[in-house]
Amino acid sequence: MTSNLKSEQALTFLRETYPQAFRQPGDIKPLEVGIHREIVRENKLLLQKKGITTSAVYTALYYYCASKEYRKARKTLGNARINLAGEVVGEVTLAEVELSKKSDAKFFQERKKTGTKPANSSHKKAKPTHLKTDKK
């Protein structure tokens, strides 16, 4: 199975296991900071049983959080951050908004400089279209 298919399988797992957190386009909310550790800790055996690696989970989270809608949500001061149950556990802070804006600026600057659409400047794999969570 290719890494893109593994990531797609991991994202499907996240959406099915935590539908209140991994919402569909139009209802995406910023996730609790550090939620990736909780996902792996709570599901280690189940992920192994399903053949989903920790790496695939992290890649799926990366693509989910790199979506246009998620990036917009994390740049809105005071937006609610949710846990795996969809409960509000905090809010987007000014420092997080500033970091998100810098991160996006760096991403788009690299994209413009290279003429490519990198998933991340240090990540060479192309973003699979089947993991997209944006509305067109």
Protein backbone atom coordinates (compact mmCIF):
# COMPACT_ATOMS: atom_id res chain seq x y z
CA MET A 1 0.00 0.00 0.00
CA THR A 2 1.41 3.42 -0.92
CA SER A 3 1.94 6.10 1.70
CA ASN A 4 -0.84 8.21 0.14
CA LEU A 5 -3.31 5.35 0.53
CA LYS A 6 -2.12 4.76 4.10
CA SER A 7 -2.65 8.44 4.88
CA GLU A 8 -6.11 8.32 3.31
CA GLN A 9 -6.90 5.23 5.40
CA ALA A 10 -5.64 7.06 8.51
CA LEU A 11 -7.79 10.12 7.76
CA THR A 12 -10.83 7.89 7.25
CA PHE A 13 -10.05 6.23 10.58
CA LEU A 14 -9.84 9.63 12.30
CA ARG A 15 -13.12 10.83 10.78
CA GLU A 16 -14.93 7.61 11.69
CA THR A 17 -13.46 7.37 15.20
CA TYR A 18 -13.71 11.07 16.08
CA PRO A 19 -16.48 12.59 13.92
CA GLN A 20 -16.97 15.48 16.35
CA ALA A 21 -13.32 16.53 15.98
CA PHE A 22 -12.55 15.65 12.34
CA ARG A 23 -15.41 17.45 10.73
CA GLN A 24 -16.33 17.73 7.10
CA PRO A 25 -15.70 20.90 5.06
CA GLY A 26 -17.85 23.80 6.14
CA ASP A 27 -17.61 22.91 9.84
CA ILE A 28 -13.87 22.56 10.53
CA LYS A 29 -12.61 23.83 13.90
CA PRO A 30 -9.04 24.15 15.19
CA LEU A 31 -7.97 21.10 17.15
CA GLU A 32 -6.53 21.03 20.65
CA VAL A 33 -2.78 21.63 20.64
CA GLY A 34 -0.94 18.28 20.94
CA ILE A 35 -3.98 16.20 19.96
CA HIS A 36 -1.77 13.93 17.82
CA ARG A 37 -0.19 12.38 20.93
CA GLU A 38 -3.60 11.63 22.42
CA ILE A 39 -4.80 9.97 19.21
CA VAL A 40 -1.80 7.64 19.04
CA ARG A 41 -1.86 6.90 22.78
CA GLU A 42 -5.59 6.07 22.83
CA ASN A 43 -5.55 3.98 19.65
CA LYS A 44 -2.15 2.28 19.53
CA LEU A 45 -3.48 -1.29 19.44
CA LEU A 46 -6.40 -0.51 17.14
CA LEU A 47 -4.13 1.31 14.70
CA GLN A 48 -1.73 -1.65 14.66
CA LYS A 49 -4.63 -4.05 14.10
CA LYS A 50 -5.82 -1.97 11.13
CA GLY A 51 -2.28 -1.67 9.76
CA ILE A 52 -2.18 2.11 10.18
CA THR A 53 1.21 3.46 11.18
CA THR A 54 1.88 6.40 13.46
CA SER A 55 3.53 8.07 10.49
CA ALA A 56 0.34 7.70 8.43
CA VAL A 57 -1.70 9.25 11.26
CA TYR A 58 0.69 12.21 11.47
CA THR A 59 0.61 12.67 7.69
CA ALA A 60 -3.21 12.58 7.69
CA LEU A 61 -3.26 15.17 10.47
CA TYR A 62 -0.84 17.32 8.52
CA TYR A 63 -3.09 17.32 5.45
CA TYR A 64 -6.23 17.92 7.51
CA CYS A 65 -4.58 20.87 9.27
CA ALA A 66 -3.09 22.22 6.02
CA SER A 67 -6.51 22.60 4.40
CA LYS A 68 -7.53 26.12 3.43
CA GLU A 69 -10.50 26.05 5.80
CA TYR A 70 -8.44 24.82 8.76
CA ARG A 71 -5.73 27.41 8.14
CA LYS A 72 -8.38 30.13 8.07
CA ALA A 73 -9.93 28.86 11.31
CA ARG A 74 -6.59 28.83 13.13
CA LYS A 75 -5.93 32.44 12.10
CA THR A 76 -9.09 33.75 13.77
CA LEU A 77 -8.38 35.08 17.26
CA GLY A 78 -10.66 33.53 19.86
CA ASN A 79 -11.85 30.64 17.67
CA ALA A 80 -12.68 27.62 19.81
CA ARG A 81 -10.18 24.76 19.89
CA ILE A 82 -11.80 21.36 20.30
CA ASN A 83 -10.75 17.99 21.69
CA LEU A 84 -11.46 14.56 20.23
CA ALA A 85 -15.02 14.63 21.60
CA GLY A 86 -15.67 17.98 19.89
CA GLU A 87 -15.75 19.81 23.22
CA VAL A 88 -14.28 23.30 23.51
CA VAL A 89 -11.00 23.12 25.44
CA GLY A 90 -9.44 26.45 24.60
CA GLU A 91 -9.24 29.12 22.00
CA VAL A 92 -6.86 30.37 19.35
CA THR A 93 -4.50 32.86 20.97
CA LEU A 94 -2.87 35.95 19.50
CA ALA A 95 0.51 34.17 19.52
CA GLU A 96 -1.02 31.25 17.57
CA VAL A 97 -2.61 33.62 15.05
CA GLU A 98 0.73 35.37 14.48
CA LEU A 99 2.55 32.03 14.15
CA SER A 100 -0.08 30.78 11.68
CA LYS A 101 0.26 33.90 9.56
CA LYS A 102 4.06 33.59 9.51
CA SER A 103 3.82 29.91 8.67
CA ASP A 104 1.40 30.56 5.81
CA ALA A 105 3.53 33.44 4.50
CA LYS A 106 6.60 31.19 4.46
CA PHE A 107 4.63 28.43 2.71
CA PHE A 108 3.34 30.74 -0.02
CA GLN A 109 6.71 32.48 -0.42
CA GLU A 110 8.38 29.08 -0.99
CA ARG A 111 5.59 28.13 -3.39
CA LYS A 112 6.05 31.32 -5.39
CA LYS A 113 9.86 31.00 -5.41
CA THR A 114 9.89 27.41 -6.64
CA GLY A 115 6.78 27.56 -8.80
CA THR A 116 5.53 24.42 -7.08
CA LYS A 117 2.85 23.56 -4.60
CA PRO A 118 4.86 21.92 -1.79
CA ALA A 119 2.97 20.37 1.09
CA ASN A 120 5.69 21.84 3.27
CA SER A 121 9.12 23.19 2.39
CA SER A 122 10.87 20.29 4.10
CA HIS A 123 8.40 17.66 2.87
CA LYS A 124 9.01 16.61 -0.73
CA LYS A 125 5.90 14.48 -1.32
CA ALA A 126 3.11 15.97 -3.40
CA LYS A 127 -0.15 16.58 -1.62
CA PRO A 128 -2.62 13.87 -2.62
CA THR A 129 -5.85 15.29 -3.96
CA HIS A 130 -7.95 12.53 -2.40
CA LEU A 131 -7.13 13.88 1.11
CA LYS A 132 -8.35 17.37 0.34
CA THR A 133 -10.86 18.75 2.82
CA ASP A 134 -11.50 22.10 1.09
CA LYS A 135 -14.67 22.97 -0.73
CA LYS A 136 -14.16 24.02 -4.34
